[in-house]
Amino acid sequence: MRYLLLSSFMLSIVFRSVSHADALEVTLSEGDVVPVFEGLATDGSIWRSEEHIGQKFIVVYFYPADLTGGCTRQACGFRDQMKELQQAGVEVVGVSGDSVENHQLFARVNSLNFPLLSDEDGKISKAFGVPVREGATIMRIVDGVEVSLVRSLTASRWTFLIDKEGRIVQKNTAVQAEEDSKNILETIRRLTTQAE
């Protein structure tokens, strides 16, 4: 009987430890190596980080929801400065809990010129330590038709700049949507000047 009680007690400790380990949040800081990640992109392909990191600077920006005010301004900022970003050797990818279909609509309506990754299961957000909360459904009028956009989770607005060595050189957890792309360009210019 004692053996059974002891075994039960030990198993409960093991299960609690495993549950606690699963609950531990990732915390990435500037200088850390970025996690390997992938996601379904706007064009339906799988966007894999290992196929991009090492070639250019990569901006991975997390945002709450497609076709909302701040998120649209943020995305359009990157769109409008894409030529300068590309000339500076920067690639941009956006990530949210929206579906690929939502992303496709968002990209089409706003003529976005960079991929958006669907993070419906929250794996990418979790890998970067980005806080998420429950998803939601919003209604929008697109081309005169009311559409329902359902997202499984809502990510916080965080932006990461990754260098060619795969390290985080900037982590912004207090992003101002309209200034995000300008902030990235300023950081790239500063880094380039320091390297010369």
N, C-alpha and C. Protein backbone atom coordinates (compact mmCIF):
# COMPACT_ATOMS: atom_id res chain seq x y z
N MET A 1 0.82 -1.20 0.00
CA MET A 1 0.00 0.00 0.00
C MET A 1 0.86 1.26 0.00
N ARG A 2 1.91 1.23 0.87
CA ARG A 2 2.82 2.37 0.91
C ARG A 2 3.48 2.58 -0.44
N TYR A 3 3.84 1.46 -1.07
CA TYR A 3 4.50 1.53 -2.37
C TYR A 3 3.58 2.20 -3.39
N LEU A 4 2.29 1.83 -3.37
CA LEU A 4 1.34 2.43 -4.31
C LEU A 4 1.16 3.91 -4.06
N LEU A 5 1.09 4.30 -2.78
CA LEU A 5 0.95 5.73 -2.45
C LEU A 5 2.18 6.50 -2.88
N LEU A 6 3.36 5.93 -2.62
CA LEU A 6 4.60 6.59 -3.01
C LEU A 6 4.69 6.71 -4.53
N SER A 7 4.32 5.64 -5.23
CA SER A 7 4.34 5.67 -6.71
C SER A 7 3.38 6.72 -7.24
N SER A 8 2.19 6.79 -6.69
CA SER A 8 1.21 7.79 -7.12
C SER A 8 1.74 9.20 -6.88
N PHE A 9 2.36 9.40 -5.72
CA PHE A 9 2.91 10.71 -5.38
C PHE A 9 4.01 11.09 -6.37
N MET A 10 4.90 10.15 -6.65
CA MET A 10 6.02 10.42 -7.57
C MET A 10 5.50 10.73 -8.98
N LEU A 11 4.50 9.98 -9.42
CA LEU A 11 3.92 10.24 -10.75
C LEU A 11 3.29 11.62 -10.81
N SER A 12 2.63 12.03 -9.73
CA SER A 12 2.00 13.36 -9.75
C SER A 12 3.07 14.45 -9.85
N ILE A 13 4.21 14.25 -9.20
CA ILE A 13 5.31 15.22 -9.30
C ILE A 13 5.83 15.27 -10.73
N VAL A 14 6.02 14.11 -11.35
CA VAL A 14 6.51 14.06 -12.73
C VAL A 14 5.54 14.77 -13.66
N PHE A 15 4.25 14.49 -13.53
CA PHE A 15 3.25 15.13 -14.39
C PHE A 15 3.21 16.63 -14.18
N ARG A 16 3.33 17.05 -12.91
CA ARG A 16 3.35 18.49 -12.65
C ARG A 16 4.57 19.13 -13.28
N SER A 17 5.73 18.44 -13.20
CA SER A 17 6.96 18.98 -13.79
C SER A 17 6.82 19.12 -15.30
N VAL A 18 6.25 18.11 -15.94
CA VAL A 18 6.06 18.15 -17.39
C VAL A 18 5.10 19.28 -17.75
N SER A 19 4.00 19.38 -17.00
CA SER A 19 3.04 20.44 -17.27
C SER A 19 3.67 21.80 -17.07
N HIS A 20 4.49 21.93 -16.01
CA HIS A 20 5.15 23.20 -15.75
C HIS A 20 6.13 23.53 -16.87
N ALA A 21 6.87 22.53 -17.35
CA ALA A 21 7.83 22.75 -18.44
C ALA A 21 7.10 23.20 -19.70
N ASP A 22 5.94 22.59 -19.98
CA ASP A 22 5.18 22.98 -21.15
C ASP A 22 4.67 24.41 -21.03
N ALA A 23 4.40 24.83 -19.79
CA ALA A 23 3.84 26.15 -19.56
C ALA A 23 4.90 27.26 -19.59
N LEU A 24 6.19 26.87 -19.49
CA LEU A 24 7.25 27.88 -19.51
C LEU A 24 7.21 28.65 -20.81
N GLU A 25 7.31 29.96 -20.69
CA GLU A 25 7.28 30.80 -21.88
C GLU A 25 8.68 31.03 -22.41
N VAL A 26 8.79 31.14 -23.71
CA VAL A 26 10.05 31.45 -24.35
C VAL A 26 10.29 32.95 -24.20
N THR A 27 11.52 33.31 -23.89
CA THR A 27 11.88 34.72 -23.86
C THR A 27 13.10 34.90 -24.74
N LEU A 28 12.92 35.60 -25.85
CA LEU A 28 14.04 35.88 -26.75
C LEU A 28 14.50 37.31 -26.53
N SER A 29 15.80 37.51 -26.55
CA SER A 29 16.38 38.83 -26.37
C SER A 29 17.27 39.16 -27.55
N GLU A 30 17.61 40.43 -27.66
CA GLU A 30 18.54 40.84 -28.71
C GLU A 30 19.85 40.08 -28.50
N GLY A 31 20.39 39.55 -29.59
CA GLY A 31 21.60 38.73 -29.54
C GLY A 31 21.32 37.25 -29.60
N ASP A 32 20.08 36.84 -29.29
CA ASP A 32 19.72 35.43 -29.35
C ASP A 32 19.57 34.95 -30.79
N VAL A 33 19.84 33.67 -30.98
CA VAL A 33 19.61 33.05 -32.29
C VAL A 33 18.11 32.84 -32.44
N VAL A 34 17.59 33.20 -33.59
CA VAL A 34 16.16 33.09 -33.84
C VAL A 34 15.76 31.61 -33.98
N PRO A 35 14.58 31.24 -33.50
CA PRO A 35 14.17 29.84 -33.66
C PRO A 35 13.85 29.51 -35.12
N VAL A 36 13.98 28.25 -35.46
CA VAL A 36 13.57 27.79 -36.79
C VAL A 36 12.05 27.75 -36.79
N PHE A 37 11.44 28.29 -37.84
CA PHE A 37 9.98 28.29 -37.90
C PHE A 37 9.52 28.25 -39.35
N GLU A 38 8.26 27.91 -39.52
CA GLU A 38 7.67 27.90 -40.85
C GLU A 38 6.17 28.16 -40.72
N GLY A 39 5.59 28.59 -41.84
CA GLY A 39 4.17 28.85 -41.84
C GLY A 39 3.62 28.91 -43.25
N LEU A 40 2.33 28.71 -43.37
CA LEU A 40 1.66 28.78 -44.65
C LEU A 40 1.54 30.25 -45.04
N ALA A 41 2.05 30.58 -46.22
CA ALA A 41 2.11 31.97 -46.68
C ALA A 41 0.91 32.34 -47.53
N THR A 42 0.82 33.61 -47.81
CA THR A 42 -0.28 34.17 -48.58
C THR A 42 -0.50 33.46 -49.91
N ASP A 43 0.60 33.06 -50.56
CA ASP A 43 0.48 32.42 -51.88
C ASP A 43 0.21 30.92 -51.78
N GLY A 44 0.04 30.40 -50.56
CA GLY A 44 -0.25 28.98 -50.38
C GLY A 44 0.98 28.11 -50.20
N SER A 45 2.17 28.70 -50.35
CA SER A 45 3.41 27.93 -50.16
C SER A 45 3.80 27.89 -48.69
N ILE A 46 4.72 27.00 -48.34
CA ILE A 46 5.27 26.96 -46.99
C ILE A 46 6.49 27.87 -46.96
N TRP A 47 6.44 28.88 -46.09
CA TRP A 47 7.58 29.79 -45.91
C TRP A 47 8.41 29.22 -44.78
N ARG A 48 9.67 28.85 -45.10
CA ARG A 48 10.56 28.23 -44.11
C ARG A 48 11.71 29.18 -43.77
N SER A 49 11.91 29.44 -42.50
CA SER A 49 12.93 30.41 -42.09
C SER A 49 14.32 30.02 -42.57
N GLU A 50 14.63 28.73 -42.55
CA GLU A 50 15.99 28.32 -42.93
C GLU A 50 16.29 28.60 -44.41
N GLU A 51 15.27 28.83 -45.21
CA GLU A 51 15.50 29.15 -46.62
C GLU A 51 15.73 30.65 -46.84
N HIS A 52 15.57 31.45 -45.79
CA HIS A 52 15.68 32.90 -45.91
C HIS A 52 16.76 33.50 -45.01
N ILE A 53 16.87 32.99 -43.81
CA ILE A 53 17.84 33.54 -42.87
C ILE A 53 19.25 33.22 -43.36
N GLY A 54 20.11 34.22 -43.30
CA GLY A 54 21.48 34.06 -43.77
C GLY A 54 21.72 34.76 -45.08
N GLN A 55 20.65 35.09 -45.78
CA GLN A 55 20.79 35.77 -47.07
C GLN A 55 20.60 37.28 -46.95
N LYS A 56 19.67 37.70 -46.09
CA LYS A 56 19.33 39.10 -45.91
C LYS A 56 18.98 39.34 -44.46
N PHE A 57 18.77 40.59 -44.11
CA PHE A 57 18.11 40.89 -42.84
C PHE A 57 16.65 40.45 -43.02
N ILE A 58 16.07 39.91 -41.97
CA ILE A 58 14.67 39.48 -42.02
C ILE A 58 13.89 40.23 -40.94
N VAL A 59 12.79 40.84 -41.34
CA VAL A 59 11.86 41.43 -40.38
C VAL A 59 10.72 40.43 -40.21
N VAL A 60 10.51 39.99 -38.98
CA VAL A 60 9.35 39.15 -38.66
C VAL A 60 8.49 40.00 -37.74
N TYR A 61 7.35 40.44 -38.27
CA TYR A 61 6.50 41.26 -37.42
C TYR A 61 5.17 40.55 -37.16
N PHE A 62 4.80 40.54 -35.90
CA PHE A 62 3.56 39.92 -35.43
C PHE A 62 2.53 41.04 -35.27
N TYR A 63 1.31 40.77 -35.69
CA TYR A 63 0.27 41.79 -35.58
C TYR A 63 -1.05 41.11 -35.23
N PRO A 64 -1.98 41.88 -34.64
CA PRO A 64 -3.22 41.26 -34.14
C PRO A 64 -4.17 40.70 -35.18
N ALA A 65 -4.51 41.48 -36.24
CA ALA A 65 -5.61 41.03 -37.10
C ALA A 65 -5.60 41.70 -38.47
N ASP A 66 -5.96 40.92 -39.47
CA ASP A 66 -6.11 41.44 -40.83
C ASP A 66 -7.27 42.42 -40.91
N LEU A 67 -7.11 43.40 -41.79
CA LEU A 67 -8.18 44.36 -42.11
C LEU A 67 -8.69 45.13 -40.89
N THR A 68 -7.77 45.47 -40.00
CA THR A 68 -8.08 46.36 -38.88
C THR A 68 -7.20 47.59 -39.01
N GLY A 69 -7.57 48.67 -38.33
CA GLY A 69 -6.92 49.96 -38.52
C GLY A 69 -5.41 49.98 -38.37
N GLY A 70 -4.92 49.69 -37.17
CA GLY A 70 -3.49 49.73 -36.92
C GLY A 70 -2.71 48.73 -37.75
N CYS A 71 -3.27 47.54 -37.90
CA CYS A 71 -2.59 46.49 -38.66
C CYS A 71 -2.50 46.85 -40.14
N THR A 72 -3.52 47.51 -40.65
CA THR A 72 -3.49 47.95 -42.05
C THR A 72 -2.44 49.04 -42.22
N ARG A 73 -2.38 49.99 -41.30
CA ARG A 73 -1.37 51.06 -41.40
C ARG A 73 0.05 50.49 -41.32
N GLN A 74 0.23 49.51 -40.44
CA GLN A 74 1.55 48.89 -40.29
C GLN A 74 1.95 48.16 -41.58
N ALA A 75 1.04 47.35 -42.10
CA ALA A 75 1.32 46.60 -43.33
C ALA A 75 1.58 47.54 -44.51
N CYS A 76 0.79 48.59 -44.61
CA CYS A 76 0.94 49.53 -45.73
C CYS A 76 2.24 50.33 -45.60
N GLY A 77 2.70 50.54 -44.37
CA GLY A 77 4.01 51.18 -44.17
C GLY A 77 5.12 50.33 -44.76
N PHE A 78 5.08 49.03 -44.47
CA PHE A 78 6.08 48.13 -45.06
C PHE A 78 5.93 48.09 -46.59
N ARG A 79 4.70 48.03 -47.06
CA ARG A 79 4.45 48.02 -48.51
C ARG A 79 5.06 49.26 -49.17
N ASP A 80 4.79 50.42 -48.60
CA ASP A 80 5.22 51.67 -49.20
C ASP A 80 6.73 51.87 -49.15
N GLN A 81 7.39 51.25 -48.20
CA GLN A 81 8.84 51.40 -48.09
C GLN A 81 9.59 50.16 -48.57
N MET A 82 8.88 49.27 -49.28
CA MET A 82 9.50 48.02 -49.69
C MET A 82 10.72 48.23 -50.58
N LYS A 83 10.69 49.19 -51.48
CA LYS A 83 11.84 49.42 -52.36
C LYS A 83 13.08 49.77 -51.54
N GLU A 84 12.92 50.69 -50.59
CA GLU A 84 14.05 51.07 -49.74
C GLU A 84 14.51 49.90 -48.88
N LEU A 85 13.56 49.15 -48.36
CA LEU A 85 13.91 47.99 -47.54
C LEU A 85 14.69 46.96 -48.36
N GLN A 86 14.23 46.68 -49.56
CA GLN A 86 14.92 45.72 -50.42
C GLN A 86 16.31 46.21 -50.79
N GLN A 87 16.44 47.51 -51.07
CA GLN A 87 17.76 48.07 -51.39
C GLN A 87 18.71 47.94 -50.21
N ALA A 88 18.15 47.97 -49.01
CA ALA A 88 18.97 47.82 -47.80
C ALA A 88 19.20 46.35 -47.44
N GLY A 89 18.71 45.44 -48.28
CA GLY A 89 18.90 44.01 -48.04
C GLY A 89 18.00 43.43 -46.98
N VAL A 90 16.74 43.92 -46.95
CA VAL A 90 15.78 43.48 -45.94
C VAL A 90 14.62 42.74 -46.58
N GLU A 91 14.23 41.63 -45.98
CA GLU A 91 13.04 40.89 -46.37
C GLU A 91 12.03 40.99 -45.23
N VAL A 92 10.76 41.15 -45.56
CA VAL A 92 9.71 41.34 -44.56
C VAL A 92 8.71 40.19 -44.61
N VAL A 93 8.31 39.72 -43.43
CA VAL A 93 7.25 38.73 -43.35
C VAL A 93 6.37 39.07 -42.14
N GLY A 94 5.05 39.10 -42.36
CA GLY A 94 4.10 39.38 -41.29
C GLY A 94 3.49 38.08 -40.79
N VAL A 95 3.12 38.06 -39.51
CA VAL A 95 2.56 36.85 -38.90
C VAL A 95 1.36 37.23 -38.03
N SER A 96 0.24 36.52 -38.22
CA SER A 96 -0.91 36.70 -37.32
C SER A 96 -1.69 35.39 -37.22
N GLY A 97 -2.68 35.38 -36.34
CA GLY A 97 -3.51 34.20 -36.15
C GLY A 97 -4.61 34.06 -37.18
N ASP A 98 -4.60 34.91 -38.21
CA ASP A 98 -5.59 34.82 -39.28
C ASP A 98 -5.31 33.63 -40.19
N SER A 99 -6.34 33.20 -40.90
CA SER A 99 -6.21 32.12 -41.87
C SER A 99 -5.51 32.63 -43.13
N VAL A 100 -5.07 31.70 -43.96
CA VAL A 100 -4.47 32.07 -45.25
C VAL A 100 -5.49 32.84 -46.08
N GLU A 101 -6.75 32.43 -46.04
CA GLU A 101 -7.79 33.11 -46.82
C GLU A 101 -7.94 34.56 -46.36
N ASN A 102 -7.92 34.79 -45.04
CA ASN A 102 -7.97 36.17 -44.53
C ASN A 102 -6.76 36.97 -45.04
N HIS A 103 -5.58 36.33 -44.96
CA HIS A 103 -4.36 36.99 -45.42
C HIS A 103 -4.45 37.35 -46.90
N GLN A 104 -4.98 36.44 -47.69
CA GLN A 104 -5.09 36.70 -49.13
C GLN A 104 -5.99 37.90 -49.40
N LEU A 105 -7.08 37.99 -48.67
CA LEU A 105 -7.99 39.12 -48.82
C LEU A 105 -7.31 40.41 -48.37
N PHE A 106 -6.66 40.38 -47.22
CA PHE A 106 -5.94 41.53 -46.68
C PHE A 106 -4.87 42.01 -47.67
N ALA A 107 -4.11 41.06 -48.21
CA ALA A 107 -3.04 41.40 -49.17
C ALA A 107 -3.62 41.99 -50.45
N ARG A 108 -4.72 41.42 -50.93
CA ARG A 108 -5.32 41.91 -52.17
C ARG A 108 -5.89 43.31 -52.00
N VAL A 109 -6.64 43.52 -50.94
CA VAL A 109 -7.28 44.81 -50.70
C VAL A 109 -6.24 45.92 -50.56
N ASN A 110 -5.08 45.59 -49.97
CA ASN A 110 -4.06 46.60 -49.69
C ASN A 110 -2.82 46.50 -50.59
N SER A 111 -2.89 45.65 -51.62
CA SER A 111 -1.76 45.48 -52.56
C SER A 111 -0.45 45.24 -51.82
N LEU A 112 -0.47 44.32 -50.87
CA LEU A 112 0.74 44.03 -50.10
C LEU A 112 1.74 43.28 -50.96
N ASN A 113 3.01 43.61 -50.79
CA ASN A 113 4.07 43.06 -51.63
C ASN A 113 5.09 42.24 -50.84
N PHE A 114 4.60 41.57 -49.80
CA PHE A 114 5.44 40.69 -48.99
C PHE A 114 4.52 39.61 -48.40
N PRO A 115 5.09 38.48 -47.98
CA PRO A 115 4.25 37.38 -47.49
C PRO A 115 3.72 37.60 -46.07
N LEU A 116 2.54 37.06 -45.84
CA LEU A 116 1.94 36.98 -44.53
C LEU A 116 1.82 35.51 -44.17
N LEU A 117 2.20 35.15 -42.96
CA LEU A 117 2.12 33.75 -42.54
C LEU A 117 0.95 33.55 -41.59
N SER A 118 0.24 32.46 -41.81
CA SER A 118 -0.89 32.10 -40.95
C SER A 118 -0.37 31.33 -39.74
N ASP A 119 -0.68 31.83 -38.56
CA ASP A 119 -0.23 31.20 -37.31
C ASP A 119 -1.46 30.81 -36.49
N GLU A 120 -2.36 30.07 -37.11
CA GLU A 120 -3.62 29.72 -36.46
C GLU A 120 -3.44 28.87 -35.21
N ASP A 121 -2.37 28.07 -35.16
CA ASP A 121 -2.15 27.23 -33.99
C ASP A 121 -1.23 27.90 -32.97
N GLY A 122 -0.70 29.08 -33.29
CA GLY A 122 0.14 29.83 -32.37
C GLY A 122 1.57 29.35 -32.23
N LYS A 123 2.00 28.42 -33.08
CA LYS A 123 3.35 27.86 -32.94
C LYS A 123 4.45 28.89 -33.17
N ILE A 124 4.24 29.75 -34.17
CA ILE A 124 5.28 30.75 -34.46
C ILE A 124 5.33 31.78 -33.32
N SER A 125 4.18 32.24 -32.89
CA SER A 125 4.12 33.19 -31.77
C SER A 125 4.80 32.60 -30.54
N LYS A 126 4.50 31.36 -30.24
CA LYS A 126 5.07 30.70 -29.06
C LYS A 126 6.59 30.58 -29.18
N ALA A 127 7.08 30.25 -30.38
CA ALA A 127 8.52 30.11 -30.60
C ALA A 127 9.26 31.42 -30.35
N PHE A 128 8.59 32.55 -30.63
CA PHE A 128 9.20 33.86 -30.43
C PHE A 128 8.86 34.47 -29.06
N GLY A 129 7.99 33.80 -28.30
CA GLY A 129 7.59 34.32 -27.00
C GLY A 129 6.60 35.46 -27.08
N VAL A 130 5.90 35.57 -28.21
CA VAL A 130 4.93 36.65 -28.40
C VAL A 130 3.63 36.30 -27.68
N PRO A 131 3.16 37.17 -26.80
CA PRO A 131 1.90 36.89 -26.10
C PRO A 131 0.71 36.83 -27.07
N VAL A 132 -0.19 35.91 -26.83
CA VAL A 132 -1.41 35.81 -27.63
C VAL A 132 -2.61 35.76 -26.70
N ARG A 133 -3.74 36.13 -27.24
CA ARG A 133 -5.01 36.03 -26.51
C ARG A 133 -6.03 35.40 -27.46
N GLU A 134 -7.25 35.27 -26.99
CA GLU A 134 -8.28 34.63 -27.80
C GLU A 134 -8.45 35.32 -29.15
N GLY A 135 -8.89 34.53 -30.11
CA GLY A 135 -9.20 35.07 -31.43
C GLY A 135 -10.55 35.77 -31.43
N ALA A 136 -11.00 36.13 -32.61
CA ALA A 136 -12.28 36.84 -32.73
C ALA A 136 -12.78 36.74 -34.16
N THR A 137 -13.98 37.21 -34.36
CA THR A 137 -14.56 37.30 -35.70
C THR A 137 -14.91 38.76 -35.94
N ILE A 138 -14.49 39.28 -37.08
CA ILE A 138 -14.85 40.65 -37.44
C ILE A 138 -15.53 40.62 -38.81
N MET A 139 -16.39 41.58 -39.01
CA MET A 139 -17.09 41.72 -40.30
C MET A 139 -16.52 42.93 -41.02
N ARG A 140 -16.29 42.78 -42.32
CA ARG A 140 -15.79 43.88 -43.14
C ARG A 140 -16.52 43.88 -44.47
N ILE A 141 -16.64 45.06 -45.08
CA ILE A 141 -17.19 45.18 -46.42
C ILE A 141 -16.02 45.24 -47.39
N VAL A 142 -15.95 44.28 -48.29
CA VAL A 142 -14.88 44.22 -49.29
C VAL A 142 -15.53 44.11 -50.66
N ASP A 143 -15.22 45.05 -51.52
CA ASP A 143 -15.82 45.09 -52.87
C ASP A 143 -17.34 45.04 -52.81
N GLY A 144 -17.91 45.75 -51.83
CA GLY A 144 -19.35 45.83 -51.70
C GLY A 144 -20.02 44.62 -51.08
N VAL A 145 -19.22 43.65 -50.64
CA VAL A 145 -19.76 42.43 -50.05
C VAL A 145 -19.29 42.31 -48.60
N GLU A 146 -20.21 41.97 -47.70
CA GLU A 146 -19.83 41.77 -46.31
C GLU A 146 -19.15 40.41 -46.16
N VAL A 147 -17.95 40.43 -45.56
CA VAL A 147 -17.21 39.19 -45.34
C VAL A 147 -16.93 39.03 -43.85
N SER A 148 -16.88 37.79 -43.43
CA SER A 148 -16.59 37.44 -42.05
C SER A 148 -15.16 36.92 -41.97
N LEU A 149 -14.35 37.56 -41.14
CA LEU A 149 -12.96 37.13 -40.96
C LEU A 149 -12.82 36.54 -39.57
N VAL A 150 -12.57 35.24 -39.52
CA VAL A 150 -12.42 34.53 -38.25
C VAL A 150 -10.93 34.28 -38.04
N ARG A 151 -10.43 34.65 -36.86
CA ARG A 151 -9.03 34.32 -36.55
C ARG A 151 -9.02 33.51 -35.26
N SER A 152 -8.12 32.54 -35.21
CA SER A 152 -8.10 31.61 -34.09
C SER A 152 -7.45 32.20 -32.84
N LEU A 153 -6.54 33.14 -33.02
CA LEU A 153 -5.89 33.78 -31.89
C LEU A 153 -5.46 35.18 -32.29
N THR A 154 -5.18 35.99 -31.31
CA THR A 154 -4.77 37.37 -31.55
C THR A 154 -3.39 37.57 -30.94
N ALA A 155 -2.40 37.81 -31.79
CA ALA A 155 -1.02 38.01 -31.34
C ALA A 155 -0.81 39.46 -30.94
N SER A 156 0.13 39.68 -30.04
CA SER A 156 0.52 41.03 -29.69
C SER A 156 1.36 41.62 -30.83
N ARG A 157 1.41 42.94 -30.90
CA ARG A 157 2.15 43.63 -31.97
C ARG A 157 3.62 43.74 -31.56
N TRP A 158 4.41 42.78 -32.00
CA TRP A 158 5.86 42.76 -31.72
C TRP A 158 6.59 42.63 -33.05
N THR A 159 7.77 43.25 -33.13
CA THR A 159 8.59 43.17 -34.35
C THR A 159 10.01 42.75 -34.00
N PHE A 160 10.53 41.82 -34.79
CA PHE A 160 11.90 41.33 -34.63
C PHE A 160 12.69 41.61 -35.91
N LEU A 161 13.91 42.08 -35.76
CA LEU A 161 14.82 42.24 -36.89
C LEU A 161 15.94 41.23 -36.69
N ILE A 162 16.14 40.39 -37.70
CA ILE A 162 17.10 39.29 -37.63
C ILE A 162 18.23 39.56 -38.61
N ASP A 163 19.48 39.41 -38.17
CA ASP A 163 20.62 39.67 -39.05
C ASP A 163 20.96 38.44 -39.90
N LYS A 164 21.99 38.57 -40.70
CA LYS A 164 22.35 37.49 -41.63
C LYS A 164 22.92 36.27 -40.91
N GLU A 165 23.31 36.44 -39.65
CA GLU A 165 23.80 35.31 -38.86
C GLU A 165 22.65 34.60 -38.12
N GLY A 166 21.44 35.11 -38.31
CA GLY A 166 20.29 34.49 -37.67
C GLY A 166 20.08 34.94 -36.24
N ARG A 167 20.68 36.07 -35.87
CA ARG A 167 20.53 36.60 -34.51
C ARG A 167 19.57 37.79 -34.50
N ILE A 168 18.86 37.94 -33.38
CA ILE A 168 17.95 39.06 -33.23
C ILE A 168 18.77 40.31 -32.91
N VAL A 169 18.68 41.30 -33.79
CA VAL A 169 19.41 42.55 -33.55
C VAL A 169 18.49 43.64 -33.03
N GLN A 170 17.19 43.45 -33.18
CA GLN A 170 16.23 44.37 -32.58
C GLN A 170 14.95 43.62 -32.25
N LYS A 171 14.47 43.86 -31.04
CA LYS A 171 13.19 43.29 -30.59
C LYS A 171 12.36 44.47 -30.08
N ASN A 172 11.22 44.69 -30.71
CA ASN A 172 10.37 45.82 -30.33
C ASN A 172 9.04 45.27 -29.83
N THR A 173 8.78 45.46 -28.55
CA THR A 173 7.53 44.98 -27.95
C THR A 173 6.56 46.13 -27.70
N ALA A 174 6.94 47.34 -28.15
CA ALA A 174 6.07 48.51 -28.00
C ALA A 174 5.95 49.19 -29.36
N VAL A 175 5.56 48.42 -30.35
CA VAL A 175 5.52 48.89 -31.73
C VAL A 175 4.43 49.94 -31.93
N GLN A 176 4.81 51.01 -32.60
CA GLN A 176 3.83 51.99 -33.08
C GLN A 176 3.59 51.62 -34.54
N ALA A 177 2.39 51.18 -34.85
CA ALA A 177 2.08 50.59 -36.15
C ALA A 177 2.57 51.41 -37.33
N GLU A 178 2.29 52.71 -37.32
CA GLU A 178 2.63 53.56 -38.47
C GLU A 178 4.12 53.80 -38.59
N GLU A 179 4.87 53.63 -37.50
CA GLU A 179 6.30 53.93 -37.50
C GLU A 179 7.18 52.70 -37.65
N ASP A 180 6.60 51.52 -37.69
CA ASP A 180 7.39 50.28 -37.65
C ASP A 180 8.39 50.18 -38.79
N SER A 181 7.94 50.38 -40.01
CA SER A 181 8.84 50.25 -41.16
C SER A 181 9.94 51.30 -41.12
N LYS A 182 9.62 52.52 -40.69
CA LYS A 182 10.63 53.59 -40.60
C LYS A 182 11.66 53.25 -39.53
N ASN A 183 11.18 52.69 -38.42
CA ASN A 183 12.08 52.29 -37.35
C ASN A 183 13.06 51.21 -37.83
N ILE A 184 12.55 50.26 -38.61
CA ILE A 184 13.41 49.20 -39.15
C ILE A 184 14.46 49.80 -40.08
N LEU A 185 14.05 50.70 -40.96
CA LEU A 185 15.01 51.32 -41.88
C LEU A 185 16.08 52.10 -41.13
N GLU A 186 15.69 52.83 -40.11
CA GLU A 186 16.67 53.58 -39.31
C GLU A 186 17.66 52.64 -38.64
N THR A 187 17.17 51.53 -38.12
CA THR A 187 18.03 50.55 -37.47
C THR A 187 19.01 49.94 -38.47
N ILE A 188 18.52 49.58 -39.65
CA ILE A 188 19.38 49.00 -40.69
C ILE A 188 20.47 49.99 -41.08
N ARG A 189 20.09 51.24 -41.28
CA ARG A 189 21.07 52.27 -41.66
C ARG A 189 22.12 52.45 -40.58
N ARG A 190 21.69 52.43 -39.32
CA ARG A 190 22.63 52.57 -38.21
C ARG A 190 23.58 51.37 -38.17
N LEU A 191 23.05 50.17 -38.33
CA LEU A 191 23.88 48.97 -38.32
C LEU A 191 24.87 48.97 -39.48
N THR A 192 24.42 49.41 -40.64
CA THR A 192 25.28 49.45 -41.82
C THR A 192 26.40 50.46 -41.62
N THR A 193 26.09 51.62 -41.04
CA THR A 193 27.09 52.65 -40.78
C THR A 193 28.12 52.16 -39.78
N GLN A 194 27.66 51.46 -38.73
CA GLN A 194 28.57 50.94 -37.72
C GLN A 194 29.52 49.89 -38.30
N ALA A 195 29.04 49.14 -39.30
CA ALA A 195 29.84 48.07 -39.89
C ALA A 195 30.92 48.61 -40.83
N GLU A 196 30.75 49.83 -41.29
CA GLU A 196 31.71 50.40 -42.25
C GLU A 196 32.97 50.90 -41.56
